[in-house]
PDB file of N, CA and C in Angstrom:
ATOM      1  N   UNK A   1     -47.210  53.953  32.294  1.00  0.00           N
ATOM      2  CA  UNK A   1     -48.082  52.906  31.814  1.00  0.00           C
ATOM      3  C   UNK A   1     -49.478  53.450  31.495  1.00  0.00           C
ATOM      4  N   UNK A   2     -49.920  54.440  32.259  1.00  0.00           N
ATOM      5  CA  UNK A   2     -51.233  55.037  32.019  1.00  0.00           C
ATOM      6  C   UNK A   2     -51.267  55.744  30.666  1.00  0.00           C
ATOM      7  N   UNK A   3     -50.154  56.379  30.302  1.00  0.00           N
ATOM      8  CA  UNK A   3     -50.110  57.071  29.006  1.00  0.00           C
ATOM      9  C   UNK A   3     -50.214  56.064  27.860  1.00  0.00           C
ATOM     10  N   UNK A   4     -49.592  54.917  28.010  1.00  0.00           N
ATOM     11  CA  UNK A   4     -49.663  53.886  26.973  1.00  0.00           C
ATOM     12  C   UNK A   4     -51.098  53.370  26.856  1.00  0.00           C
ATOM     13  N   UNK A   5     -51.750  53.174  28.006  1.00  0.00           N
ATOM     14  CA  UNK A   5     -53.141  52.711  27.988  1.00  0.00           C
ATOM     15  C   UNK A   5     -54.059  53.731  27.319  1.00  0.00           C
ATOM     16  N   UNK A   6     -53.894  55.008  27.660  1.00  0.00           N
ATOM     17  CA  UNK A   6     -54.722  56.055  27.041  1.00  0.00           C
ATOM     18  C   UNK A   6     -54.498  56.127  25.539  1.00  0.00           C
ATOM     19  N   UNK A   7     -53.257  55.996  25.101  1.00  0.00           N
ATOM     20  CA  UNK A   7     -52.956  56.029  23.664  1.00  0.00           C
ATOM     21  C   UNK A   7     -53.587  54.829  22.953  1.00  0.00           C
ATOM     22  N   UNK A   8     -53.486  53.650  23.540  1.00  0.00           N
ATOM     23  CA  UNK A   8     -54.087  52.455  22.934  1.00  0.00           C
ATOM     24  C   UNK A   8     -55.604  52.588  22.902  1.00  0.00           C
ATOM     25  N   UNK A   9     -56.189  53.156  23.948  1.00  0.00           N
ATOM     26  CA  UNK A   9     -57.638  53.351  23.985  1.00  0.00           C
ATOM     27  C   UNK A   9     -58.078  54.358  22.923  1.00  0.00           C
ATOM     28  N   UNK A  10     -57.329  55.460  22.773  1.00  0.00           N
ATOM     29  CA  UNK A  10     -57.664  56.454  21.749  1.00  0.00           C
ATOM     30  C   UNK A  10     -57.549  55.874  20.352  1.00  0.00           C
ATOM     31  N   UNK A  11     -56.536  55.047  20.123  1.00  0.00           N
ATOM     32  CA  UNK A  11     -56.328  54.461  18.799  1.00  0.00           C
ATOM     33  C   UNK A  11     -57.433  53.476  18.416  1.00  0.00           C
ATOM     34  N   UNK A  12     -57.974  52.771  19.398  1.00  0.00           N
ATOM     35  CA  UNK A  12     -58.995  51.758  19.091  1.00  0.00           C
ATOM     36  C   UNK A  12     -60.410  52.232  19.407  1.00  0.00           C
ATOM     37  N   UNK A  13     -60.574  53.498  19.742  1.00  0.00           N
ATOM     38  CA  UNK A  13     -61.880  54.019  20.140  1.00  0.00           C
ATOM     39  C   UNK A  13     -62.919  53.921  19.015  1.00  0.00           C
ATOM     40  N   UNK A  14     -62.566  54.295  17.826  1.00  0.00           N
ATOM     41  CA  UNK A  14     -63.515  54.287  16.709  1.00  0.00           C
ATOM     42  C   UNK A  14     -63.978  52.864  16.401  1.00  0.00           C
ATOM     43  N   UNK A  15     -63.076  51.907  16.368  1.00  0.00           N
ATOM     44  CA  UNK A  15     -63.440  50.513  16.124  1.00  0.00           C
ATOM     45  C   UNK A  15     -64.314  49.948  17.230  1.00  0.00           C
ATOM     46  N   UNK A  16     -64.020  50.325  18.466  1.00  0.00           N
ATOM     47  CA  UNK A  16     -64.818  49.852  19.596  1.00  0.00           C
ATOM     48  C   UNK A  16     -66.235  50.407  19.537  1.00  0.00           C
ATOM     49  N   UNK A  17     -66.364  51.659  19.164  1.00  0.00           N
ATOM     50  CA  UNK A  17     -67.699  52.261  19.044  1.00  0.00           C
ATOM     51  C   UNK A  17     -68.498  51.565  17.949  1.00  0.00           C
ATOM     52  N   UNK A  18     -67.873  51.318  16.804  1.00  0.00           N
ATOM     53  CA  UNK A  18     -68.591  50.643  15.714  1.00  0.00           C
ATOM     54  C   UNK A  18     -68.930  49.199  16.069  1.00  0.00           C
ATOM     55  N   UNK A  19     -68.073  48.546  16.835  1.00  0.00           N
ATOM     56  CA  UNK A  19     -68.381  47.199  17.300  1.00  0.00           C
ATOM     57  C   UNK A  19     -69.604  47.218  18.215  1.00  0.00           C
ATOM     58  N   UNK A  20     -69.664  48.191  19.119  1.00  0.00           N
ATOM     59  CA  UNK A  20     -70.812  48.307  20.021  1.00  0.00           C
ATOM     60  C   UNK A  20     -72.094  48.615  19.244  1.00  0.00           C
ATOM     61  N   UNK A  21     -72.010  49.485  18.247  1.00  0.00           N
ATOM     62  CA  UNK A  21     -73.185  49.797  17.425  1.00  0.00           C
ATOM     63  C   UNK A  21     -73.634  48.559  16.650  1.00  0.00           C
ATOM     64  N   UNK A  22     -72.684  47.840  16.089  1.00  0.00           N
ATOM     65  CA  UNK A  22     -73.016  46.629  15.346  1.00  0.00           C
ATOM     66  C   UNK A  22     -73.649  45.564  16.226  1.00  0.00           C
ATOM     67  N   UNK A  23     -73.114  45.363  17.419  1.00  0.00           N
ATOM     68  CA  UNK A  23     -73.700  44.386  18.336  1.00  0.00           C
ATOM     69  C   UNK A  23     -75.088  44.812  18.803  1.00  0.00           C
ATOM     70  N   UNK A  24     -75.282  46.115  18.999  1.00  0.00           N
ATOM     71  CA  UNK A  24     -76.608  46.609  19.373  1.00  0.00           C
ATOM     72  C   UNK A  24     -77.631  46.380  18.273  1.00  0.00           C
ATOM     73  N   UNK A  25     -77.242  46.665  17.042  1.00  0.00           N
ATOM     74  CA  UNK A  25     -78.149  46.417  15.917  1.00  0.00           C
ATOM     75  C   UNK A  25     -78.423  44.927  15.735  1.00  0.00           C
ATOM     76  N   UNK A  26     -77.415  44.108  15.970  1.00  0.00           N
ATOM     77  CA  UNK A  26     -77.601  42.664  15.885  1.00  0.00           C
ATOM     78  C   UNK A  26     -78.570  42.179  16.966  1.00  0.00           C
ATOM     79  N   UNK A  27     -78.478  42.759  18.167  1.00  0.00           N
ATOM     80  CA  UNK A  27     -79.393  42.397  19.244  1.00  0.00           C
ATOM     81  C   UNK A  27     -80.828  42.788  18.885  1.00  0.00           C
ATOM     82  N   UNK A  28     -81.011  43.948  18.279  1.00  0.00           N
ATOM     83  CA  UNK A  28     -82.345  44.364  17.831  1.00  0.00           C
ATOM     84  C   UNK A  28     -82.865  43.399  16.772  1.00  0.00           C
ATOM     85  N   UNK A  29     -82.001  42.976  15.870  1.00  0.00           N
ATOM     86  CA  UNK A  29     -82.382  42.020  14.830  1.00  0.00           C
ATOM     87  C   UNK A  29     -82.814  40.689  15.458  1.00  0.00           C
ATOM     88  N   UNK A  30     -82.061  40.205  16.418  1.00  0.00           N
ATOM     89  CA  UNK A  30     -82.397  38.948  17.087  1.00  0.00           C
ATOM     90  C   UNK A  30     -83.696  39.096  17.866  1.00  0.00           C
ATOM     91  N   UNK A  31     -83.897  40.233  18.524  1.00  0.00           N
ATOM     92  CA  UNK A  31     -85.137  40.452  19.274  1.00  0.00           C
ATOM     93  C   UNK A  31     -86.352  40.565  18.366  1.00  0.00           C
ATOM     94  N   UNK A  32     -86.147  40.873  17.085  1.00  0.00           N
ATOM     95  CA  UNK A  32     -87.283  40.924  16.173  1.00  0.00           C
ATOM     96  C   UNK A  32     -87.882  39.540  15.953  1.00  0.00           C
ATOM     97  N   UNK A  33     -87.111  38.494  16.235  1.00  0.00           N
ATOM     98  CA  UNK A  33     -87.619  37.127  16.135  1.00  0.00           C
ATOM     99  C   UNK A  33     -88.314  36.669  17.414  1.00  0.00           C
ATOM    100  N   UNK A  34     -88.246  37.464  18.463  1.00  0.00           N
ATOM    101  CA  UNK A  34     -88.779  37.046  19.753  1.00  0.00           C
ATOM    102  C   UNK A  34     -90.281  36.757  19.726  1.00  0.00           C
ATOM    103  N   UNK A  35     -91.118  37.512  19.002  1.00  0.00           N
ATOM    104  CA  UNK A  35     -92.547  37.144  18.957  1.00  0.00           C
ATOM    105  C   UNK A  35     -92.789  35.743  18.411  1.00  0.00           C
ATOM    106  N   UNK A  36     -91.974  35.304  17.478  1.00  0.00           N
ATOM    107  CA  UNK A  36     -92.100  33.942  16.965  1.00  0.00           C
ATOM    108  C   UNK A  36     -91.734  32.934  18.048  1.00  0.00           C
ATOM    109  N   UNK A  37     -90.725  33.247  18.820  1.00  0.00           N
ATOM    110  CA  UNK A  37     -90.306  32.364  19.911  1.00  0.00           C
ATOM    111  C   UNK A  37     -91.414  32.271  20.954  1.00  0.00           C
ATOM    112  N   UNK A  38     -92.070  33.382  21.256  1.00  0.00           N
ATOM    113  CA  UNK A  38     -93.162  33.376  22.238  1.00  0.00           C
ATOM    114  C   UNK A  38     -94.309  32.500  21.744  1.00  0.00           C
ATOM    115  N   UNK A  39     -94.626  32.585  20.448  1.00  0.00           N
ATOM    116  CA  UNK A  39     -95.717  31.775  19.904  1.00  0.00           C
ATOM    117  C   UNK A  39     -95.431  30.282  20.030  1.00  0.00           C
ATOM    118  N   UNK A  40     -94.183  29.897  19.939  1.00  0.00           N
ATOM    119  CA  UNK A  40     -93.786  28.489  19.991  1.00  0.00           C
ATOM    120  C   UNK A  40     -93.047  28.155  21.281  1.00  0.00           C
ATOM    121  N   UNK A  41     -93.303  28.895  22.355  1.00  0.00           N
ATOM    122  CA  UNK A  41     -92.515  28.729  23.576  1.00  0.00           C
ATOM    123  C   UNK A  41     -92.672  27.346  24.203  1.00  0.00           C
ATOM    124  N   UNK A  42     -93.834  26.720  24.064  1.00  0.00           N
ATOM    125  CA  UNK A  42     -94.005  25.386  24.645  1.00  0.00           C
ATOM    126  C   UNK A  42     -93.070  24.378  23.980  1.00  0.00           C
ATOM    127  N   UNK A  43     -92.936  24.490  22.664  1.00  0.00           N
ATOM    128  CA  UNK A  43     -92.053  23.573  21.944  1.00  0.00           C
ATOM    129  C   UNK A  43     -90.589  23.799  22.330  1.00  0.00           C
ATOM    130  N   UNK A  44     -90.203  25.075  22.455  1.00  0.00           N
ATOM    131  CA  UNK A  44     -88.837  25.369  22.840  1.00  0.00           C
ATOM    132  C   UNK A  44     -88.557  24.926  24.275  1.00  0.00           C
ATOM    133  N   UNK A  45     -89.539  25.093  25.166  1.00  0.00           N
ATOM    134  CA  UNK A  45     -89.355  24.644  26.542  1.00  0.00           C
ATOM    135  C   UNK A  45     -89.221  23.126  26.613  1.00  0.00           C
ATOM    136  N   UNK A  46     -89.996  22.408  25.808  1.00  0.00           N
ATOM    137  CA  UNK A  46     -89.851  20.951  25.747  1.00  0.00           C
ATOM    138  C   UNK A  46     -88.479  20.564  25.216  1.00  0.00           C
ATOM    139  N   UNK A  47     -88.005  21.296  24.227  1.00  0.00           N
ATOM    140  CA  UNK A  47     -86.685  21.028  23.668  1.00  0.00           C
ATOM    141  C   UNK A  47     -85.598  21.258  24.720  1.00  0.00           C
ATOM    142  N   UNK A  48     -85.721  22.350  25.475  1.00  0.00           N
ATOM    143  CA  UNK A  48     -84.735  22.626  26.518  1.00  0.00           C
ATOM    144  C   UNK A  48     -84.766  21.580  27.620  1.00  0.00           C
ATOM    145  N   UNK A  49     -85.952  21.063  27.937  1.00  0.00           N
ATOM    146  CA  UNK A  49     -86.056  20.031  28.970  1.00  0.00           C
ATOM    147  C   UNK A  49     -85.437  18.709  28.512  1.00  0.00           C
ATOM    148  N   UNK A  50     -85.359  18.492  27.195  1.00  0.00           N
ATOM    149  CA  UNK A  50     -84.801  17.235  26.703  1.00  0.00           C
ATOM    150  C   UNK A  50     -83.270  17.223  26.749  1.00  0.00           C
ATOM    151  N   UNK A  51     -82.638  18.393  26.862  1.00  0.00           N
ATOM    152  CA  UNK A  51     -81.185  18.455  26.920  1.00  0.00           C
ATOM    153  C   UNK A  51     -80.689  18.063  28.309  1.00  0.00           C
ATOM    154  N   UNK A  52     -79.490  17.481  28.396  1.00  0.00           N
ATOM    155  CA  UNK A  52     -78.913  17.186  29.716  1.00  0.00           C
ATOM    156  C   UNK A  52     -78.636  18.485  30.480  1.00  0.00           C
ATOM    157  N   UNK A  53     -78.821  18.437  31.784  1.00  0.00           N
ATOM    158  CA  UNK A  53     -78.621  19.628  32.628  1.00  0.00           C
ATOM    159  C   UNK A  53     -77.184  20.139  32.548  1.00  0.00           C
ATOM    160  N   UNK A  54     -76.232  19.242  32.401  1.00  0.00           N
ATOM    161  CA  UNK A  54     -74.827  19.659  32.329  1.00  0.00           C
ATOM    162  C   UNK A  54     -74.561  20.492  31.080  1.00  0.00           C
ATOM    163  N   UNK A  55     -75.151  20.086  29.956  1.00  0.00           N
ATOM    164  CA  UNK A  55     -74.957  20.828  28.721  1.00  0.00           C
ATOM    165  C   UNK A  55     -75.619  22.203  28.810  1.00  0.00           C
ATOM    166  N   UNK A  56     -76.805  22.265  29.405  1.00  0.00           N
ATOM    167  CA  UNK A  56     -77.478  23.553  29.557  1.00  0.00           C
ATOM    168  C   UNK A  56     -76.698  24.480  30.474  1.00  0.00           C
ATOM    169  N   UNK A  57     -76.151  23.935  31.553  1.00  0.00           N
ATOM    170  CA  UNK A  57     -75.392  24.791  32.458  1.00  0.00           C
ATOM    171  C   UNK A  57     -74.092  25.258  31.814  1.00  0.00           C
ATOM    172  N   UNK A  58     -73.542  24.462  30.892  1.00  0.00           N
ATOM    173  CA  UNK A  58     -72.348  24.886  30.174  1.00  0.00           C
ATOM    174  C   UNK A  58     -72.647  26.083  29.281  1.00  0.00           C
ATOM    175  N   UNK A  59     -73.740  26.020  28.525  1.00  0.00           N
ATOM    176  CA  UNK A  59     -74.069  27.110  27.618  1.00  0.00           C
ATOM    177  C   UNK A  59     -74.801  28.247  28.293  1.00  0.00           C
ATOM    178  N   UNK A  60     -75.682  27.934  29.237  1.00  0.00           N
ATOM    179  CA  UNK A  60     -76.470  28.982  29.889  1.00  0.00           C
ATOM    180  C   UNK A  60     -75.683  29.638  31.005  1.00  0.00           C
ATOM    181  N   UNK A  61     -74.904  28.853  31.705  1.00  0.00           N
ATOM    182  CA  UNK A  61     -74.041  29.401  32.736  1.00  0.00           C
ATOM    183  C   UNK A  61     -74.743  29.791  34.010  1.00  0.00           C
ATOM    184  N   UNK A  62     -75.887  29.254  34.278  1.00  0.00           N
ATOM    185  CA  UNK A  62     -76.591  29.611  35.499  1.00  0.00           C
ATOM    186  C   UNK A  62     -77.474  28.473  35.955  1.00  0.00           C
ATOM    187  N   UNK A  63     -78.471  28.822  36.746  1.00  0.00           N
ATOM    188  CA  UNK A  63     -79.417  27.835  37.237  1.00  0.00           C
ATOM    189  C   UNK A  63     -80.338  27.432  36.091  1.00  0.00           C
ATOM    190  N   UNK A  64     -80.320  26.173  35.722  1.00  0.00           N
ATOM    191  CA  UNK A  64     -81.073  25.720  34.560  1.00  0.00           C
ATOM    192  C   UNK A  64     -82.420  25.124  34.943  1.00  0.00           C
ATOM    193  N   UNK A  65     -82.770  25.161  36.205  1.00  0.00           N
ATOM    194  CA  UNK A  65     -84.053  24.593  36.626  1.00  0.00           C
ATOM    195  C   UNK A  65     -85.225  25.429  36.114  1.00  0.00           C
ATOM    196  N   UNK A  66     -85.070  26.741  36.093  1.00  0.00           N
ATOM    197  CA  UNK A  66     -86.163  27.613  35.656  1.00  0.00           C
ATOM    198  C   UNK A  66     -85.872  28.270  34.304  1.00  0.00           C
ATOM    199  N   UNK A  67     -85.120  27.597  33.472  1.00  0.00           N
ATOM    200  CA  UNK A  67     -84.764  28.127  32.158  1.00  0.00           C
ATOM    201  C   UNK A  67     -85.967  28.084  31.233  1.00  0.00           C
ATOM    202  N   UNK A  68     -86.360  29.244  30.737  1.00  0.00           N
ATOM    203  CA  UNK A  68     -87.475  29.352  29.810  1.00  0.00           C
ATOM    204  C   UNK A  68     -87.162  30.477  28.836  1.00  0.00           C
ATOM    205  N   UNK A  69     -87.528  30.287  27.595  1.00  0.00           N
ATOM    206  CA  UNK A  69     -87.251  31.307  26.588  1.00  0.00           C
ATOM    207  C   UNK A  69     -88.388  32.299  26.427  1.00  0.00           C
ATOM    208  N   UNK A  70     -89.361  32.282  27.331  1.00  0.00           N
ATOM    209  CA  UNK A  70     -90.498  33.187  27.203  1.00  0.00           C
ATOM    210  C   UNK A  70     -90.208  34.582  27.748  1.00  0.00           C
ATOM    211  N   UNK A  71     -89.061  34.788  28.366  1.00  0.00           N
ATOM    212  CA  UNK A  71     -88.660  36.088  28.886  1.00  0.00           C
ATOM    213  C   UNK A  71     -87.588  36.669  27.952  1.00  0.00           C
ATOM    214  N   UNK A  72     -87.727  37.922  27.504  1.00  0.00           N
ATOM    215  CA  UNK A  72     -86.744  38.475  26.565  1.00  0.00           C
ATOM    216  C   UNK A  72     -85.315  38.485  27.120  1.00  0.00           C
ATOM    217  N   UNK A  73     -85.161  38.781  28.409  1.00  0.00           N
ATOM    218  CA  UNK A  73     -83.818  38.808  28.996  1.00  0.00           C
ATOM    219  C   UNK A  73     -83.188  37.422  28.988  1.00  0.00           C
ATOM    220  N   UNK A  74     -83.964  36.410  29.338  1.00  0.00           N
ATOM    221  CA  UNK A  74     -83.450  35.040  29.326  1.00  0.00           C
ATOM    222  C   UNK A  74     -83.150  34.595  27.899  1.00  0.00           C
ATOM    223  N   UNK A  75     -83.996  34.988  26.966  1.00  0.00           N
ATOM    224  CA  UNK A  75     -83.770  34.655  25.562  1.00  0.00           C
ATOM    225  C   UNK A  75     -82.448  35.234  25.083  1.00  0.00           C
ATOM    226  N   UNK A  76     -82.211  36.522  25.353  1.00  0.00           N
ATOM    227  CA  UNK A  76     -80.963  37.143  24.918  1.00  0.00           C
ATOM    228  C   UNK A  76     -79.761  36.553  25.633  1.00  0.00           C
ATOM    229  N   UNK A  77     -79.899  36.272  26.931  1.00  0.00           N
ATOM    230  CA  UNK A  77     -78.787  35.691  27.668  1.00  0.00           C
ATOM    231  C   UNK A  77     -78.440  34.317  27.115  1.00  0.00           C
ATOM    232  N   UNK A  78     -79.455  33.518  26.832  1.00  0.00           N
ATOM    233  CA  UNK A  78     -79.214  32.190  26.277  1.00  0.00           C
ATOM    234  C   UNK A  78     -78.601  32.298  24.888  1.00  0.00           C
ATOM    235  N   UNK A  79     -79.117  33.191  24.072  1.00  0.00           N
ATOM    236  CA  UNK A  79     -78.602  33.330  22.713  1.00  0.00           C
ATOM    237  C   UNK A  79     -77.152  33.793  22.712  1.00  0.00           C
ATOM    238  N   UNK A  80     -76.866  34.851  23.472  1.00  0.00           N
ATOM    239  CA  UNK A  80     -75.516  35.390  23.445  1.00  0.00           C
ATOM    240  C   UNK A  80     -74.523  34.557  24.235  1.00  0.00           C
ATOM    241  N   UNK A  81     -74.988  33.732  25.165  1.00  0.00           N
ATOM    242  CA  UNK A  81     -74.034  32.856  25.847  1.00  0.00           C
ATOM    243  C   UNK A  81     -73.589  31.743  24.917  1.00  0.00           C
ATOM    244  N   UNK A  82     -74.433  31.363  23.960  1.00  0.00           N
ATOM    245  CA  UNK A  82     -74.019  30.327  23.022  1.00  0.00           C
ATOM    246  C   UNK A  82     -73.316  30.913  21.809  1.00  0.00           C
ATOM    247  N   UNK A  83     -73.833  31.977  21.249  1.00  0.00           N
ATOM    248  CA  UNK A  83     -73.276  32.524  20.014  1.00  0.00           C
ATOM    249  C   UNK A  83     -72.490  33.814  20.208  1.00  0.00           C
ATOM    250  N   UNK A  84     -72.603  34.416  21.367  1.00  0.00           N
ATOM    251  CA  UNK A  84     -71.937  35.689  21.609  1.00  0.00           C
ATOM    252  C   UNK A  84     -70.426  35.602  21.549  1.00  0.00           C
ATOM    253  N   UNK A  85     -69.876  34.566  22.140  1.00  0.00           N
ATOM    254  CA  UNK A  85     -68.423  34.424  22.110  1.00  0.00           C
ATOM    255  C   UNK A  85     -67.923  34.163  20.691  1.00  0.00           C
ATOM    256  N   UNK A  86     -68.681  33.412  19.926  1.00  0.00           N
ATOM    257  CA  UNK A  86     -68.297  33.205  18.521  1.00  0.00           C
ATOM    258  C   UNK A  86     -68.371  34.517  17.745  1.00  0.00           C
ATOM    259  N   UNK A  87     -69.398  35.313  18.037  1.00  0.00           N
ATOM    260  CA  UNK A  87     -69.566  36.592  17.355  1.00  0.00           C
ATOM    261  C   UNK A  87     -68.434  37.549  17.721  1.00  0.00           C
ATOM    262  N   UNK A  88     -68.108  37.625  19.006  1.00  0.00           N
ATOM    263  CA  UNK A  88     -67.012  38.511  19.418  1.00  0.00           C
ATOM    264  C   UNK A  88     -65.676  38.013  18.901  1.00  0.00           C
ATOM    265  N   UNK A  89     -65.526  36.698  18.825  1.00  0.00           N
ATOM    266  CA  UNK A  89     -64.285  36.152  18.293  1.00  0.00           C
ATOM    267  C   UNK A  89     -64.091  36.474  16.819  1.00  0.00           C
ATOM    268  N   UNK A  90     -65.190  36.493  16.092  1.00  0.00           N
ATOM    269  CA  UNK A  90     -65.101  36.800  14.667  1.00  0.00           C
ATOM    270  C   UNK A  90     -64.782  38.259  14.475  1.00  0.00           C
TER     271      UNK A  90
END
């Protein structure tokens, strides 16, 4: 079974590497918009507070009490938790 796994991994290695490179470049592209998000963070925080907590926990997947888009890590986590699965599915 290990030989079959190694063969499947070798066969899909090039595609996996290009997928990782593409996702990395996409993350850099999304982070280029982060300064705009910081400038308007109060509006985005108000928007997030207007959503039901259940919906935020569904998309964010964590504690939504301190959810703010002013931190780059939280911004990326929120973005990829909502659109990441669609992107990987495509």
